[in-house]
């Protein structure tokens, strides 16, 4: 899916769900799909304000929820009691390694995991619409910002 396809998909979703189609919602969409990595609503709001947007915080929060419902964004929780988002536009299915010391999130993709999801779903008679696989641990390199004396 590219930017134009994301716009078309979001417009269809808004119509189908009887939500208003506004330029502000598409402004949030554009900033969200261009954001590098994982982000919270406040981070996106600050970024938009720093680029001189007149967007309201409520519009950012509400639009991110709609974009997640639509499937353009994925909602993530990396164990910090904070909802994070990431764009699905132009991305392959992937999973995450999360450092519980410094908060670094590394993405990886392994077809074996996707095969396991398909196999288990098939055996149970389940039609998956997505999955989230996170591995929590600690960075093993000395560059971890909370790695004190190699611990």
N, C-alpha and C. Protein backbone atom coordinates (compact mmCIF):
# COMPACT_ATOMS: atom_id res chain seq x y z
N UNK A 1 0.85 -1.17 0.00
CA UNK A 1 0.00 0.00 0.00
C UNK A 1 0.90 1.24 0.00
N UNK A 2 0.61 2.18 -0.87
CA UNK A 2 1.35 3.44 -0.91
C UNK A 2 0.47 4.56 -0.34
N UNK A 3 0.99 5.78 -0.36
CA UNK A 3 0.28 6.93 0.23
C UNK A 3 -1.10 7.13 -0.41
N UNK A 4 -1.16 7.09 -1.73
CA UNK A 4 -2.42 7.30 -2.43
C UNK A 4 -3.43 6.20 -2.07
N UNK A 5 -2.97 4.96 -2.04
CA UNK A 5 -3.86 3.85 -1.67
C UNK A 5 -4.35 4.01 -0.23
N UNK A 6 -3.47 4.50 0.65
CA UNK A 6 -3.86 4.72 2.05
C UNK A 6 -4.95 5.77 2.12
N UNK A 7 -4.82 6.83 1.32
CA UNK A 7 -5.85 7.88 1.29
C UNK A 7 -7.19 7.30 0.82
N UNK A 8 -7.14 6.51 -0.25
CA UNK A 8 -8.37 5.93 -0.79
C UNK A 8 -9.01 4.97 0.21
N UNK A 9 -8.19 4.14 0.85
CA UNK A 9 -8.70 3.19 1.84
C UNK A 9 -9.32 3.92 3.02
N UNK A 10 -8.66 4.97 3.49
CA UNK A 10 -9.17 5.73 4.63
C UNK A 10 -10.48 6.43 4.27
N UNK A 11 -10.57 6.99 3.06
CA UNK A 11 -11.79 7.66 2.62
C UNK A 11 -12.95 6.65 2.58
N UNK A 12 -12.71 5.46 2.03
CA UNK A 12 -13.75 4.41 1.99
C UNK A 12 -14.17 4.02 3.41
N UNK A 13 -13.19 3.85 4.29
CA UNK A 13 -13.47 3.49 5.68
C UNK A 13 -14.34 4.55 6.36
N UNK A 14 -13.96 5.81 6.20
CA UNK A 14 -14.72 6.89 6.84
C UNK A 14 -16.16 6.92 6.34
N UNK A 15 -16.34 6.75 5.04
CA UNK A 15 -17.71 6.73 4.47
C UNK A 15 -18.50 5.55 5.01
N UNK A 16 -17.88 4.38 4.99
CA UNK A 16 -18.56 3.15 5.43
C UNK A 16 -18.97 3.25 6.89
N UNK A 17 -18.11 3.82 7.72
CA UNK A 17 -18.39 3.93 9.15
C UNK A 17 -19.14 5.21 9.51
N UNK A 18 -19.52 5.98 8.48
CA UNK A 18 -20.27 7.22 8.64
C UNK A 18 -19.56 8.25 9.52
N UNK A 19 -18.25 8.37 9.28
CA UNK A 19 -17.43 9.40 9.93
C UNK A 19 -17.21 10.53 8.95
N UNK A 20 -17.02 11.72 9.48
CA UNK A 20 -16.77 12.88 8.61
C UNK A 20 -15.42 12.76 7.92
N UNK A 21 -15.38 13.18 6.67
CA UNK A 21 -14.16 13.21 5.89
C UNK A 21 -13.66 14.64 5.94
N UNK A 22 -12.54 14.86 6.65
CA UNK A 22 -12.01 16.22 6.83
C UNK A 22 -10.54 16.28 6.41
N UNK A 23 -10.11 17.46 5.99
CA UNK A 23 -8.69 17.61 5.62
C UNK A 23 -7.76 17.34 6.81
N UNK A 24 -8.20 17.67 8.02
CA UNK A 24 -7.37 17.44 9.21
C UNK A 24 -7.08 15.96 9.40
N UNK A 25 -8.06 15.11 9.16
CA UNK A 25 -7.84 13.67 9.31
C UNK A 25 -6.80 13.16 8.32
N UNK A 26 -6.82 13.71 7.12
CA UNK A 26 -5.84 13.29 6.11
C UNK A 26 -4.47 13.89 6.39
N UNK A 27 -4.44 15.04 7.06
CA UNK A 27 -3.16 15.60 7.50
C UNK A 27 -2.53 14.68 8.55
N UNK A 28 -3.33 14.19 9.48
CA UNK A 28 -2.83 13.24 10.49
C UNK A 28 -2.36 11.97 9.79
N UNK A 29 -3.13 11.46 8.85
CA UNK A 29 -2.74 10.27 8.09
C UNK A 29 -1.36 10.47 7.46
N UNK A 30 -1.17 11.57 6.78
CA UNK A 30 0.11 11.81 6.10
C UNK A 30 1.28 11.84 7.08
N UNK A 31 1.10 12.55 8.20
CA UNK A 31 2.18 12.61 9.18
C UNK A 31 2.44 11.24 9.81
N UNK A 32 1.38 10.48 10.05
CA UNK A 32 1.52 9.16 10.68
C UNK A 32 2.26 8.18 9.78
N UNK A 33 1.94 8.17 8.49
CA UNK A 33 2.60 7.21 7.61
C UNK A 33 4.03 7.63 7.26
N UNK A 34 4.35 8.91 7.45
CA UNK A 34 5.71 9.39 7.19
C UNK A 34 6.59 9.29 8.43
N UNK A 35 5.99 9.04 9.59
CA UNK A 35 6.76 8.99 10.84
C UNK A 35 7.67 7.77 10.81
N UNK A 36 8.93 7.97 11.13
CA UNK A 36 9.88 6.85 11.16
C UNK A 36 9.77 6.12 12.49
N UNK A 37 9.47 4.85 12.45
CA UNK A 37 9.43 4.05 13.66
C UNK A 37 8.09 4.09 14.38
N UNK A 38 8.14 3.84 15.68
CA UNK A 38 6.95 3.74 16.51
C UNK A 38 6.73 5.07 17.22
N UNK A 39 5.49 5.47 17.40
CA UNK A 39 5.22 6.77 17.99
C UNK A 39 3.95 6.75 18.83
N UNK A 40 3.91 7.64 19.78
CA UNK A 40 2.71 7.86 20.57
C UNK A 40 1.95 9.04 19.99
N UNK A 41 0.70 9.19 20.39
CA UNK A 41 -0.14 10.28 19.89
C UNK A 41 0.47 11.63 20.21
N UNK A 42 0.99 11.78 21.42
CA UNK A 42 1.59 13.07 21.80
C UNK A 42 2.82 13.38 20.96
N UNK A 43 3.62 12.38 20.66
CA UNK A 43 4.81 12.60 19.83
C UNK A 43 4.41 13.09 18.44
N UNK A 44 3.39 12.47 17.87
CA UNK A 44 2.93 12.89 16.55
C UNK A 44 2.36 14.31 16.62
N UNK A 45 1.59 14.59 17.66
CA UNK A 45 1.00 15.92 17.84
C UNK A 45 2.11 16.98 17.91
N UNK A 46 3.14 16.73 18.70
CA UNK A 46 4.25 17.69 18.84
C UNK A 46 4.95 17.89 17.50
N UNK A 47 5.18 16.79 16.79
CA UNK A 47 5.82 16.89 15.48
C UNK A 47 4.98 17.73 14.52
N UNK A 48 3.67 17.50 14.54
CA UNK A 48 2.79 18.25 13.65
C UNK A 48 2.77 19.74 14.02
N UNK A 49 2.72 20.04 15.31
CA UNK A 49 2.73 21.43 15.76
C UNK A 49 4.05 22.11 15.40
N UNK A 50 5.15 21.37 15.49
CA UNK A 50 6.45 21.97 15.17
C UNK A 50 6.58 22.23 13.67
N UNK A 51 5.74 21.58 12.86
CA UNK A 51 5.73 21.87 11.42
C UNK A 51 4.60 22.83 11.08
N UNK A 52 4.15 23.58 12.11
CA UNK A 52 3.18 24.68 11.97
C UNK A 52 1.77 24.23 11.60
N UNK A 53 1.39 23.07 12.02
CA UNK A 53 0.02 22.59 11.81
C UNK A 53 -0.90 23.24 12.85
N UNK A 54 -2.14 23.45 12.48
CA UNK A 54 -3.15 23.98 13.41
C UNK A 54 -4.01 22.86 14.01
N UNK A 55 -3.55 21.64 13.92
CA UNK A 55 -4.30 20.47 14.36
C UNK A 55 -4.51 20.50 15.88
N UNK A 56 -5.63 19.96 16.33
CA UNK A 56 -5.87 19.86 17.77
C UNK A 56 -5.40 18.49 18.27
N UNK A 57 -5.07 18.44 19.54
CA UNK A 57 -4.65 17.18 20.15
C UNK A 57 -5.76 16.13 20.04
N UNK A 58 -7.00 16.55 20.25
CA UNK A 58 -8.14 15.61 20.17
C UNK A 58 -8.27 15.03 18.77
N UNK A 59 -8.06 15.84 17.75
CA UNK A 59 -8.14 15.33 16.37
C UNK A 59 -7.06 14.30 16.12
N UNK A 60 -5.86 14.54 16.63
CA UNK A 60 -4.77 13.57 16.46
C UNK A 60 -5.15 12.25 17.13
N UNK A 61 -5.57 12.31 18.39
CA UNK A 61 -5.94 11.09 19.12
C UNK A 61 -7.07 10.34 18.42
N UNK A 62 -8.12 11.05 18.07
CA UNK A 62 -9.29 10.40 17.44
C UNK A 62 -8.95 9.82 16.08
N UNK A 63 -8.15 10.54 15.30
CA UNK A 63 -7.80 10.06 13.96
C UNK A 63 -6.89 8.85 14.03
N UNK A 64 -5.96 8.83 14.98
CA UNK A 64 -5.09 7.66 15.12
C UNK A 64 -5.91 6.41 15.42
N UNK A 65 -6.92 6.55 16.26
CA UNK A 65 -7.80 5.41 16.55
C UNK A 65 -8.51 4.93 15.28
N UNK A 66 -9.01 5.87 14.48
CA UNK A 66 -9.68 5.51 13.23
C UNK A 66 -8.71 4.84 12.26
N UNK A 67 -7.48 5.36 12.18
CA UNK A 67 -6.48 4.77 11.28
C UNK A 67 -6.11 3.35 11.72
N UNK A 68 -6.12 3.11 13.03
CA UNK A 68 -5.84 1.75 13.53
C UNK A 68 -7.02 0.83 13.21
N UNK A 69 -8.24 1.32 13.40
CA UNK A 69 -9.42 0.51 13.07
C UNK A 69 -9.44 0.16 11.58
N UNK A 70 -8.99 1.08 10.77
CA UNK A 70 -8.97 0.91 9.32
C UNK A 70 -7.87 -0.05 8.87
N UNK A 71 -6.83 -0.22 9.70
CA UNK A 71 -5.73 -1.10 9.35
C UNK A 71 -4.54 -0.41 8.72
N UNK A 72 -4.59 0.91 8.58
CA UNK A 72 -3.47 1.66 8.01
C UNK A 72 -2.35 1.77 9.03
N UNK A 73 -2.72 1.85 10.31
CA UNK A 73 -1.74 1.85 11.40
C UNK A 73 -1.96 0.61 12.25
N UNK A 74 -0.91 0.18 12.92
CA UNK A 74 -1.03 -0.87 13.93
C UNK A 74 -0.83 -0.23 15.30
N UNK A 75 -1.67 -0.63 16.25
CA UNK A 75 -1.51 -0.21 17.64
C UNK A 75 -0.61 -1.21 18.32
N UNK A 76 0.35 -0.71 19.07
CA UNK A 76 1.28 -1.57 19.78
C UNK A 76 1.36 -1.17 21.24
N UNK A 77 1.66 -2.15 22.08
CA UNK A 77 1.95 -1.89 23.48
C UNK A 77 3.23 -2.66 23.79
N UNK A 78 4.26 -1.91 24.09
CA UNK A 78 5.56 -2.53 24.33
C UNK A 78 5.88 -2.61 25.81
N UNK A 79 4.85 -2.76 26.64
CA UNK A 79 5.05 -2.98 28.06
C UNK A 79 5.30 -1.72 28.86
N UNK A 80 4.98 -0.58 28.31
CA UNK A 80 5.24 0.66 29.02
C UNK A 80 3.95 1.39 29.39
N UNK A 81 2.82 0.69 29.29
CA UNK A 81 1.51 1.29 29.57
C UNK A 81 1.24 2.52 28.71
N UNK A 82 1.71 2.47 27.48
CA UNK A 82 1.54 3.58 26.56
C UNK A 82 1.26 2.99 25.18
N UNK A 83 0.19 3.46 24.56
CA UNK A 83 -0.13 3.00 23.22
C UNK A 83 0.83 3.65 22.23
N UNK A 84 1.41 2.82 21.38
CA UNK A 84 2.29 3.30 20.32
C UNK A 84 1.67 2.85 19.00
N UNK A 85 2.01 3.55 17.96
CA UNK A 85 1.49 3.25 16.62
C UNK A 85 2.67 3.08 15.68
N UNK A 86 2.39 2.37 14.60
CA UNK A 86 3.34 2.31 13.49
C UNK A 86 2.54 2.13 12.21
N UNK A 87 3.09 2.69 11.16
CA UNK A 87 2.42 2.64 9.86
C UNK A 87 2.54 1.26 9.25
N UNK A 88 1.49 0.81 8.58
CA UNK A 88 1.53 -0.43 7.82
C UNK A 88 1.78 -0.15 6.33
N UNK A 89 1.87 1.13 5.98
CA UNK A 89 2.06 1.51 4.58
C UNK A 89 3.49 1.20 4.16
N UNK A 90 3.62 0.35 3.16
CA UNK A 90 4.92 -0.01 2.63
C UNK A 90 5.76 -0.89 3.54
N UNK A 91 5.14 -1.54 4.51
CA UNK A 91 5.89 -2.37 5.47
C UNK A 91 5.54 -3.83 5.27
N UNK A 92 6.53 -4.68 5.49
CA UNK A 92 6.27 -6.11 5.51
C UNK A 92 5.91 -6.50 6.94
N UNK A 93 5.24 -7.62 7.10
CA UNK A 93 4.89 -8.11 8.42
C UNK A 93 6.17 -8.34 9.21
N UNK A 94 6.18 -7.88 10.46
CA UNK A 94 7.39 -8.00 11.26
C UNK A 94 7.04 -8.11 12.74
N UNK A 95 8.04 -8.43 13.52
CA UNK A 95 7.89 -8.59 14.96
C UNK A 95 8.92 -7.71 15.66
N UNK A 96 8.92 -7.74 17.00
CA UNK A 96 9.72 -6.77 17.74
C UNK A 96 10.54 -7.40 18.87
N UNK A 97 11.74 -6.87 19.06
CA UNK A 97 12.58 -7.12 20.23
C UNK A 97 12.61 -5.82 21.02
N UNK A 98 12.26 -5.86 22.30
CA UNK A 98 12.16 -4.65 23.11
C UNK A 98 13.11 -4.76 24.30
N UNK A 99 14.03 -3.80 24.42
CA UNK A 99 14.95 -3.77 25.55
C UNK A 99 14.24 -3.15 26.75
N UNK A 100 14.17 -3.89 27.85
CA UNK A 100 13.50 -3.37 29.05
C UNK A 100 14.39 -2.41 29.83
N UNK A 101 15.66 -2.29 29.42
CA UNK A 101 16.56 -1.31 30.05
C UNK A 101 16.41 0.06 29.40
N UNK A 102 16.70 0.12 28.10
CA UNK A 102 16.76 1.41 27.42
C UNK A 102 15.54 1.71 26.55
N UNK A 103 14.68 0.72 26.33
CA UNK A 103 13.48 0.95 25.53
C UNK A 103 13.67 0.82 24.03
N UNK A 104 14.86 0.45 23.60
CA UNK A 104 15.11 0.28 22.17
C UNK A 104 14.19 -0.79 21.62
N UNK A 105 13.63 -0.52 20.44
CA UNK A 105 12.76 -1.48 19.76
C UNK A 105 13.42 -1.83 18.44
N UNK A 106 13.70 -3.11 18.25
CA UNK A 106 14.28 -3.58 16.99
C UNK A 106 13.25 -4.45 16.30
N UNK A 107 13.10 -4.22 15.01
CA UNK A 107 12.15 -5.00 14.21
C UNK A 107 12.89 -6.14 13.53
N UNK A 108 12.18 -7.26 13.39
CA UNK A 108 12.74 -8.38 12.64
C UNK A 108 11.59 -9.13 11.97
N UNK A 109 11.93 -9.88 10.97
CA UNK A 109 10.94 -10.67 10.25
C UNK A 109 11.51 -12.06 10.04
N UNK A 110 10.70 -13.06 10.36
CA UNK A 110 11.13 -14.44 10.16
C UNK A 110 9.92 -15.22 9.63
N UNK A 111 10.00 -15.73 8.42
CA UNK A 111 8.87 -16.46 7.84
C UNK A 111 8.42 -17.65 8.67
N UNK A 112 9.32 -18.21 9.50
CA UNK A 112 8.93 -19.36 10.34
C UNK A 112 7.83 -18.96 11.33
N UNK A 113 7.91 -17.74 11.86
CA UNK A 113 6.89 -17.28 12.80
C UNK A 113 5.55 -17.14 12.10
N UNK A 114 5.57 -16.58 10.91
CA UNK A 114 4.33 -16.44 10.14
C UNK A 114 3.72 -17.80 9.81
N UNK A 115 4.56 -18.80 9.53
CA UNK A 115 4.07 -20.15 9.26
C UNK A 115 3.43 -20.75 10.51
N UNK A 116 4.04 -20.50 11.67
CA UNK A 116 3.49 -21.00 12.94
C UNK A 116 2.11 -20.39 13.19
N UNK A 117 1.97 -19.08 12.95
CA UNK A 117 0.68 -18.41 13.14
C UNK A 117 -0.37 -19.05 12.23
N UNK A 118 -0.02 -19.28 10.98
CA UNK A 118 -0.96 -19.89 10.03
C UNK A 118 -1.32 -21.31 10.45
N UNK A 119 -0.32 -22.08 10.87
CA UNK A 119 -0.53 -23.48 11.26
C UNK A 119 -1.45 -23.57 12.47
N UNK A 120 -1.14 -22.82 13.51
CA UNK A 120 -1.96 -22.85 14.73
C UNK A 120 -3.37 -22.39 14.43
N UNK A 121 -3.51 -21.33 13.66
CA UNK A 121 -4.84 -20.81 13.32
C UNK A 121 -5.64 -21.85 12.56
N UNK A 122 -5.00 -22.52 11.62
CA UNK A 122 -5.67 -23.54 10.82
C UNK A 122 -6.12 -24.71 11.70
N UNK A 123 -5.25 -25.15 12.60
CA UNK A 123 -5.57 -26.28 13.47
C UNK A 123 -6.76 -25.97 14.39
N UNK A 124 -6.86 -24.73 14.82
CA UNK A 124 -7.93 -24.35 15.74
C UNK A 124 -9.20 -23.93 15.00
N UNK A 125 -9.07 -23.68 13.70
CA UNK A 125 -10.22 -23.20 12.93
C UNK A 125 -10.44 -21.71 13.17
N UNK A 126 -9.37 -20.96 13.02
CA UNK A 126 -9.38 -19.53 13.32
C UNK A 126 -8.86 -18.77 12.12
N UNK A 127 -9.52 -17.67 11.76
CA UNK A 127 -9.09 -16.86 10.62
C UNK A 127 -8.43 -15.59 11.16
N UNK A 128 -7.08 -15.58 11.24
CA UNK A 128 -6.40 -14.43 11.85
C UNK A 128 -6.47 -13.18 10.96
N UNK A 129 -6.63 -12.04 11.59
CA UNK A 129 -6.58 -10.77 10.87
C UNK A 129 -5.27 -10.05 11.14
N UNK A 130 -4.46 -10.60 12.03
CA UNK A 130 -3.17 -10.02 12.36
C UNK A 130 -2.65 -10.67 13.62
N UNK A 131 -1.43 -10.37 13.96
CA UNK A 131 -0.87 -10.88 15.20
C UNK A 131 0.24 -9.94 15.64
N UNK A 132 0.63 -10.07 16.89
CA UNK A 132 1.71 -9.26 17.44
C UNK A 132 2.61 -10.17 18.25
N UNK A 133 3.88 -10.18 17.91
CA UNK A 133 4.85 -11.01 18.61
C UNK A 133 5.98 -10.11 19.10
N UNK A 134 6.10 -9.98 20.42
CA UNK A 134 7.12 -9.14 21.02
C UNK A 134 7.99 -9.99 21.93
N UNK A 135 9.29 -9.77 21.84
CA UNK A 135 10.23 -10.42 22.74
C UNK A 135 10.85 -9.34 23.62
N UNK A 136 10.67 -9.48 24.93
CA UNK A 136 11.22 -8.53 25.88
C UNK A 136 12.51 -9.08 26.45
N UNK A 137 13.49 -8.23 26.64
CA UNK A 137 14.77 -8.65 27.19
C UNK A 137 15.66 -7.44 27.38
N UNK A 138 16.96 -7.71 27.40
CA UNK A 138 17.93 -6.64 27.61
C UNK A 138 18.98 -6.68 26.51
N UNK A 139 19.37 -5.50 26.06
CA UNK A 139 20.43 -5.40 25.06
C UNK A 139 21.67 -6.11 25.57
N UNK A 140 22.35 -6.81 24.70
CA UNK A 140 23.58 -7.48 25.11
C UNK A 140 24.81 -6.68 24.74
N UNK A 141 24.61 -5.56 24.04
CA UNK A 141 25.77 -4.74 23.68
C UNK A 141 26.04 -3.68 24.74
N UNK A 142 27.23 -3.16 24.76
CA UNK A 142 27.62 -2.18 25.78
C UNK A 142 27.08 -0.79 25.48
N UNK A 143 26.41 -0.61 24.34
CA UNK A 143 25.87 0.69 23.98
C UNK A 143 24.50 0.97 24.58
N UNK A 144 23.92 -0.01 25.27
CA UNK A 144 22.61 0.19 25.89
C UNK A 144 22.72 1.35 26.86
N UNK A 145 21.82 2.33 26.73
CA UNK A 145 21.92 3.54 27.55
C UNK A 145 21.73 3.30 29.04
N UNK A 146 21.19 2.18 29.43
CA UNK A 146 21.02 1.86 30.85
C UNK A 146 21.89 0.68 31.28
N UNK A 147 22.81 0.30 30.41
CA UNK A 147 23.69 -0.82 30.69
C UNK A 147 24.86 -0.31 31.55
N UNK A 148 24.76 -0.49 32.85
CA UNK A 148 25.76 0.05 33.77
C UNK A 148 26.74 -1.06 34.16
N UNK A 149 28.03 -0.79 33.91
CA UNK A 149 29.11 -1.75 34.25
C UNK A 149 28.85 -3.14 33.67
N UNK A 150 28.27 -3.18 32.47
CA UNK A 150 28.06 -4.46 31.80
C UNK A 150 26.92 -5.27 32.37
N UNK A 151 26.07 -4.68 33.22
CA UNK A 151 24.97 -5.42 33.84
C UNK A 151 23.70 -5.19 33.09
